Amino acid sequence: MFLIILGGFLMALADSVPGVSGGTIAFLMGFYDDFINSLNDIASRDKSKRMKAIKFLLKLACGWIVGFCSAVFVITAVFEKNIYEISSLFLGFVLFAIPLIFIEEKEAFKGKIYNAIWVVIGAGFVIAITYFSGVASAGSLAWGKFDVLGGIILFVGAMIAISAMVLPGISGSTILLVFGIYQPVMDAIDGFLHLEFKYFVGLCIFGFGILTGVFTTIKGLKLALYKARTATLYAIVGMMIGSLYSIVMGPTSLETPKAAMTLDTFNIVFFIIGGLVILGLQVLKYVFAKKEENNAQMKD
């Protein structure tokens, strides 16, 4: 349970800033399939599946809400002031994570190198999204500050962003940047948490877009992992590789743009810390898995 709550917390931190996907965190911590299946089963007619999905997502949500509120209040400010250190940290996350995917899914990859073309496709997709992203603001989400077209853009952007957030390698926040609504959304959430209810309608539109994205894309993703797991995993690895470009270019997408990260601005200390965090998560996952295994044996 603790590992899932921690995973939700880390997913929220990743989802709240451009460059890293919460789906990557779920994949690294070993509950990605459970995450996708739970999102799919939340509307299942099977009561036992539905209840199991609700319990899992509630645990995840506990950590996610705390993480996202922390991000809105604190992380975004730290992100802007220490962008190169944070970007170096994220590079450590991703680079150390990629080999772990091959280790954990070795049976799926074994003898299927012909599917490696999906690495190129996945990487190209993320790089293209990052390349065409911008920081043009769509204005404010406050009531009366956006028109019908703005509402449609907000809805569609939310729908695509949440679809991206569940895919390792694609940052939902980067999608919001593409649509020019990242800063307005973050400002609206911050304002609403400070009881500024003028943002309520705008956030409702955003929320309905998220729900629509969840219910229209998750089934397709679950089917892809079931029917073509190796190709899907290669595509995920490609998207993670592509996210390295997103992270390097991350400073250019700030509200006050900075230069893309270079070798001079790269911080080796934070990079190593990122790698150690990933290895630490793997150790935690192993410890909790062992504990559950021992508990199961004791019950038998």
Protein backbone atom coordinates (compact mmCIF):
# COMPACT_ATOMS: atom_id res chain seq x y z
CA MET A 1 0.00 0.00 0.00
CA PHE A 2 2.78 2.44 0.95
CA LEU A 3 4.54 1.83 -2.38
CA ILE A 4 1.38 2.69 -4.33
CA ILE A 5 0.79 5.89 -2.33
CA LEU A 6 4.45 6.86 -2.82
CA GLY A 7 4.07 6.07 -6.51
CA GLY A 8 1.04 8.37 -6.73
CA PHE A 9 3.02 11.16 -5.03
CA LEU A 10 5.94 10.80 -7.46
CA MET A 11 3.60 10.52 -10.46
CA ALA A 12 2.02 13.85 -9.51
CA LEU A 13 5.42 15.55 -9.25
CA ALA A 14 6.34 14.18 -12.68
CA ASP A 15 3.00 15.10 -14.26
CA SER A 16 3.09 18.68 -12.98
CA VAL A 17 6.21 19.75 -14.87
CA PRO A 18 7.06 19.46 -18.59
CA GLY A 19 9.53 16.74 -19.59
CA VAL A 20 8.66 13.68 -17.48
CA SER A 21 5.56 11.47 -17.54
CA GLY A 22 3.79 10.05 -14.51
CA GLY A 23 3.41 6.88 -16.57
CA THR A 24 7.20 6.51 -16.47
CA ILE A 25 7.10 6.49 -12.67
CA ALA A 26 4.32 3.87 -12.65
CA PHE A 27 6.34 1.72 -15.05
CA LEU A 28 9.50 1.99 -12.95
CA MET A 29 7.72 1.13 -9.71
CA GLY A 30 6.19 -1.99 -11.22
CA PHE A 31 2.49 -1.17 -11.12
CA TYR A 32 1.96 0.19 -14.64
CA ASP A 33 -0.20 -2.74 -15.78
CA ASP A 34 -2.25 -2.52 -12.56
CA PHE A 35 -2.65 1.23 -13.17
CA ILE A 36 -3.89 0.76 -16.75
CA ASN A 37 -6.14 -2.18 -15.82
CA SER A 38 -7.66 -0.24 -12.91
CA LEU A 39 -8.44 2.75 -15.12
CA ASN A 40 -10.04 0.35 -17.59
CA ASP A 41 -11.99 -1.61 -14.95
CA ILE A 42 -13.36 1.43 -13.12
CA ALA A 43 -16.43 1.22 -15.38
CA SER A 44 -16.54 -2.57 -15.53
CA ARG A 45 -19.85 -4.40 -15.10
CA ASP A 46 -17.99 -6.94 -12.97
CA LYS A 47 -18.46 -5.69 -9.40
CA SER A 48 -15.32 -7.41 -8.03
CA LYS A 49 -13.14 -5.92 -10.79
CA ARG A 50 -14.71 -2.50 -10.27
CA MET A 51 -14.16 -2.57 -6.49
CA LYS A 52 -10.55 -3.75 -6.89
CA ALA A 53 -9.92 -0.92 -9.36
CA ILE A 54 -11.49 1.66 -7.05
CA LYS A 55 -9.38 0.53 -4.08
CA PHE A 56 -6.16 0.68 -6.11
CA LEU A 57 -6.94 4.10 -7.61
CA LEU A 58 -7.94 5.53 -4.21
CA LYS A 59 -4.55 4.54 -2.78
CA LEU A 60 -2.83 6.06 -5.79
CA ALA A 61 -4.99 9.19 -5.54
CA CYS A 62 -4.00 9.78 -1.90
CA GLY A 63 -0.36 10.19 -2.90
CA TRP A 64 -1.18 11.96 -6.16
CA ILE A 65 -3.27 14.70 -4.53
CA VAL A 66 -0.58 15.45 -1.94
CA GLY A 67 2.10 15.43 -4.64
CA PHE A 68 0.18 17.66 -7.02
CA CYS A 69 -0.73 20.23 -4.34
CA SER A 70 2.93 20.28 -3.30
CA ALA A 71 3.91 20.81 -6.92
CA VAL A 72 1.49 23.69 -7.41
CA PHE A 73 2.61 25.44 -4.22
CA VAL A 74 6.33 24.63 -4.25
CA ILE A 75 7.75 22.54 -7.08
CA THR A 76 6.84 24.89 -9.93
CA ALA A 77 8.76 27.74 -8.27
CA VAL A 78 11.76 25.49 -7.61
CA PHE A 79 11.51 24.21 -11.17
CA GLU A 80 11.91 27.69 -12.64
CA LYS A 81 14.71 28.81 -10.31
CA ASN A 82 16.70 25.58 -10.52
CA ILE A 83 15.71 24.35 -13.97
CA TYR A 84 19.12 22.93 -14.93
CA GLU A 85 19.52 21.00 -11.67
CA ILE A 86 15.96 19.60 -11.98
CA SER A 87 16.50 18.75 -15.65
CA SER A 88 19.73 16.91 -14.76
CA LEU A 89 17.77 15.01 -12.10
CA PHE A 90 15.15 13.99 -14.67
CA LEU A 91 17.86 12.86 -17.10
CA GLY A 92 19.13 10.59 -14.35
CA PHE A 93 15.63 9.23 -13.82
CA VAL A 94 15.12 8.32 -17.46
CA LEU A 95 18.61 7.07 -18.40
CA PHE A 96 18.82 4.77 -15.38
CA ALA A 97 15.26 3.58 -15.95
CA ILE A 98 15.58 2.39 -19.55
CA PRO A 99 17.85 -0.63 -18.80
CA LEU A 100 15.51 -1.66 -15.98
CA ILE A 101 12.62 -1.98 -18.43
CA PHE A 102 14.64 -4.46 -20.53
CA ILE A 103 15.58 -6.38 -17.38
CA GLU A 104 12.02 -6.57 -16.03
CA GLU A 105 10.43 -7.38 -19.40
CA LYS A 106 13.18 -9.63 -20.75
CA GLU A 107 10.73 -12.41 -21.64
CA ALA A 108 8.64 -10.01 -23.74
CA PHE A 109 11.74 -8.70 -25.57
CA LYS A 110 13.44 -12.07 -26.05
CA GLY A 111 13.81 -13.00 -29.73
CA LYS A 112 11.70 -10.09 -30.99
CA ILE A 113 14.32 -7.56 -32.06
CA TYR A 114 12.35 -7.03 -35.29
CA ASN A 115 9.93 -4.89 -33.24
CA ALA A 116 12.75 -2.43 -32.46
CA ILE A 117 11.48 -0.13 -35.24
CA TRP A 118 8.89 0.98 -32.66
CA VAL A 119 11.72 2.57 -30.67
CA VAL A 120 12.30 4.98 -33.56
CA ILE A 121 8.57 5.65 -33.93
CA GLY A 122 8.11 6.28 -30.20
CA ALA A 123 11.15 8.55 -29.95
CA GLY A 124 10.19 10.47 -33.08
CA PHE A 125 6.66 11.05 -31.75
CA VAL A 126 7.86 12.60 -28.47
CA ILE A 127 10.58 14.65 -30.16
CA ALA A 128 8.03 16.01 -32.66
CA ILE A 129 5.64 17.00 -29.86
CA THR A 130 8.45 18.75 -28.00
CA TYR A 131 9.76 20.47 -31.14
CA PHE A 132 6.38 21.96 -32.01
CA SER A 133 5.46 22.90 -28.43
CA GLY A 134 5.30 26.54 -27.43
CA VAL A 135 4.60 28.70 -24.41
CA ALA A 136 1.99 30.97 -25.92
CA SER A 137 -0.62 31.54 -23.24
CA ALA A 138 -4.28 30.84 -23.97
CA GLY A 139 -5.22 33.55 -21.47
CA SER A 140 -6.88 33.07 -18.12
CA LEU A 141 -9.28 30.30 -17.04
CA ALA A 142 -11.18 32.78 -14.90
CA TRP A 143 -14.92 33.07 -15.67
CA GLY A 144 -15.52 35.55 -18.47
CA LYS A 145 -11.88 35.53 -19.59
CA PHE A 146 -12.19 32.77 -22.21
CA ASP A 147 -14.68 32.22 -25.05
CA VAL A 148 -16.27 29.08 -26.55
CA LEU A 149 -13.19 28.37 -28.69
CA GLY A 150 -11.00 28.72 -25.60
CA GLY A 151 -13.24 26.23 -23.80
CA ILE A 152 -12.97 23.76 -26.69
CA ILE A 153 -9.16 24.09 -26.74
CA LEU A 154 -9.11 23.56 -22.96
CA PHE A 155 -11.28 20.43 -23.25
CA VAL A 156 -9.33 18.87 -26.14
CA GLY A 157 -5.98 19.76 -24.58
CA ALA A 158 -6.99 18.09 -21.31
CA MET A 159 -8.24 14.98 -23.12
CA ILE A 160 -4.96 14.52 -25.03
CA ALA A 161 -2.78 15.49 -22.05
CA ILE A 162 -4.26 12.86 -19.73
CA SER A 163 -3.79 10.27 -22.48
CA ALA A 164 -0.13 11.29 -22.64
CA MET A 165 0.28 11.20 -18.86
CA VAL A 166 -0.44 7.47 -18.72
CA LEU A 167 2.18 6.76 -21.42
CA PRO A 168 5.77 6.47 -20.17
CA GLY A 169 7.97 9.02 -21.89
CA ILE A 170 5.31 11.58 -22.87
CA SER A 171 4.73 14.45 -20.49
CA GLY A 172 1.12 15.57 -20.23
CA SER A 173 2.42 18.98 -19.24
CA THR A 174 4.27 19.20 -22.54
CA ILE A 175 0.97 18.54 -24.34
CA LEU A 176 -0.57 21.41 -22.36
CA LEU A 177 2.31 23.59 -23.57
CA VAL A 178 1.56 22.59 -27.16
CA PHE A 179 -2.02 23.82 -26.68
CA GLY A 180 -0.80 26.95 -24.88
CA ILE A 181 -2.73 26.17 -21.68
CA TYR A 182 -0.04 24.96 -19.27
CA GLN A 183 0.44 28.24 -17.41
CA PRO A 184 -3.30 29.16 -17.36
CA VAL A 185 -4.15 25.73 -15.91
CA MET A 186 -1.45 25.91 -13.23
CA ASP A 187 -2.51 29.47 -12.34
CA ALA A 188 -6.16 28.38 -12.14
CA ILE A 189 -5.39 25.42 -9.86
CA ASP A 190 -3.25 27.62 -7.64
CA GLY A 191 -6.01 30.24 -7.52
CA PHE A 192 -8.73 27.68 -6.76
CA LEU A 193 -6.66 26.21 -3.92
CA HIS A 194 -6.59 29.77 -2.55
CA LEU A 195 -10.43 29.78 -2.76
CA GLU A 196 -10.69 31.91 -5.90
CA PHE A 197 -13.88 30.35 -7.31
CA LYS A 198 -13.80 32.36 -10.53
CA TYR A 199 -11.72 29.48 -11.93
CA PHE A 200 -14.35 26.83 -11.10
CA VAL A 201 -16.03 26.62 -14.54
CA GLY A 202 -12.72 26.56 -16.41
CA LEU A 203 -11.39 23.78 -14.19
CA CYS A 204 -14.65 21.82 -14.65
CA ILE A 205 -14.19 21.94 -18.43
CA PHE A 206 -10.60 20.79 -17.95
CA GLY A 207 -11.77 17.98 -15.64
CA PHE A 208 -14.39 16.74 -18.13
CA GLY A 209 -11.66 16.67 -20.78
CA ILE A 210 -9.52 14.52 -18.49
CA LEU A 211 -12.38 12.06 -17.85
CA THR A 212 -13.12 11.82 -21.57
CA GLY A 213 -9.46 11.13 -22.30
CA VAL A 214 -9.33 8.38 -19.67
CA PHE A 215 -12.41 6.54 -20.93
CA THR A 216 -11.56 6.82 -24.64
CA THR A 217 -7.86 5.89 -24.66
CA ILE A 218 -7.22 3.46 -21.80
CA LYS A 219 -9.03 0.55 -23.46
CA GLY A 220 -6.87 0.97 -26.55
CA LEU A 221 -3.68 1.05 -24.50
CA LYS A 222 -4.68 -2.02 -22.49
CA LEU A 223 -5.46 -3.87 -25.72
CA ALA A 224 -2.08 -2.88 -27.19
CA LEU A 225 -0.23 -4.18 -24.12
CA TYR A 226 -2.21 -7.43 -24.30
CA LYS A 227 -2.19 -8.06 -28.06
CA ALA A 228 1.20 -6.56 -29.02
CA ARG A 229 3.13 -6.21 -25.77
CA THR A 230 6.63 -6.31 -27.27
CA ALA A 231 5.93 -3.66 -29.92
CA THR A 232 4.18 -1.50 -27.31
CA LEU A 233 7.10 -1.86 -24.88
CA TYR A 234 9.59 -0.93 -27.61
CA ALA A 235 7.46 2.13 -28.39
CA ILE A 236 7.45 3.03 -24.68
CA VAL A 237 11.25 2.74 -24.57
CA GLY A 238 11.40 4.96 -27.66
CA MET A 239 9.15 7.54 -26.00
CA MET A 240 11.41 7.53 -22.95
CA ILE A 241 14.45 8.06 -25.19
CA GLY A 242 12.59 10.89 -26.91
CA SER A 243 11.80 12.42 -23.53
CA LEU A 244 15.56 13.02 -23.06
CA TYR A 245 15.24 15.64 -25.80
CA SER A 246 12.16 17.05 -24.04
CA ILE A 247 14.11 17.38 -20.79
CA VAL A 248 17.11 19.04 -22.46
CA MET A 249 14.77 21.52 -24.16
CA GLY A 250 12.65 21.98 -21.01
CA PRO A 251 14.20 25.33 -19.99
CA THR A 252 13.03 26.87 -23.29
CA SER A 253 9.40 26.13 -22.38
CA LEU A 254 9.35 28.13 -19.14
CA GLU A 255 7.14 31.20 -18.77
CA THR A 256 10.42 33.15 -18.91
CA PRO A 257 12.36 31.01 -21.42
CA LYS A 258 15.95 30.03 -20.75
CA ALA A 259 18.53 28.41 -22.99
CA ALA A 260 18.33 24.66 -23.54
CA MET A 261 20.53 22.63 -21.23
CA THR A 262 24.15 22.16 -22.39
CA LEU A 263 27.17 20.35 -20.98
CA ASP A 264 28.04 23.56 -19.13
CA THR A 265 24.65 23.77 -17.39
CA PHE A 266 24.33 20.00 -16.88
CA ASN A 267 24.68 19.10 -13.17
CA ILE A 268 26.37 15.72 -12.64
CA VAL A 269 25.49 15.62 -8.92
CA PHE A 270 21.75 15.88 -9.56
CA PHE A 271 22.07 13.40 -12.43
CA ILE A 272 23.60 10.84 -10.06
CA ILE A 273 20.94 11.59 -7.45
CA GLY A 274 18.29 10.87 -10.10
CA GLY A 275 19.91 7.53 -10.86
CA LEU A 276 20.15 6.65 -7.17
CA VAL A 277 16.47 7.48 -6.69
CA ILE A 278 15.54 5.05 -9.48
CA LEU A 279 17.72 2.34 -7.97
CA GLY A 280 16.24 3.12 -4.56
CA LEU A 281 12.72 2.68 -5.94
CA GLN A 282 13.75 -0.69 -7.35
CA VAL A 283 15.07 -1.74 -3.93
CA LEU A 284 11.83 -0.58 -2.29
CA LYS A 285 9.80 -2.51 -4.85
CA TYR A 286 11.87 -5.65 -4.19
CA VAL A 287 11.54 -5.31 -0.41
CA PHE A 288 7.76 -4.85 -0.53
CA ALA A 289 7.36 -7.68 -3.06
CA LYS A 290 9.34 -9.98 -0.74
CA LYS A 291 7.24 -8.90 2.20
CA GLU A 292 4.00 -9.66 0.34
CA GLU A 293 5.41 -13.02 -0.78
CA ASN A 294 6.32 -13.94 2.82
CA ASN A 295 2.89 -12.86 4.06
CA ALA A 296 1.22 -15.01 1.39
CA GLN A 297 3.34 -18.02 2.38
CA MET A 298 2.45 -17.54 6.05
CA LYS A 299 -1.27 -17.50 5.20
CA ASP A 300 -0.85 -20.76 3.25
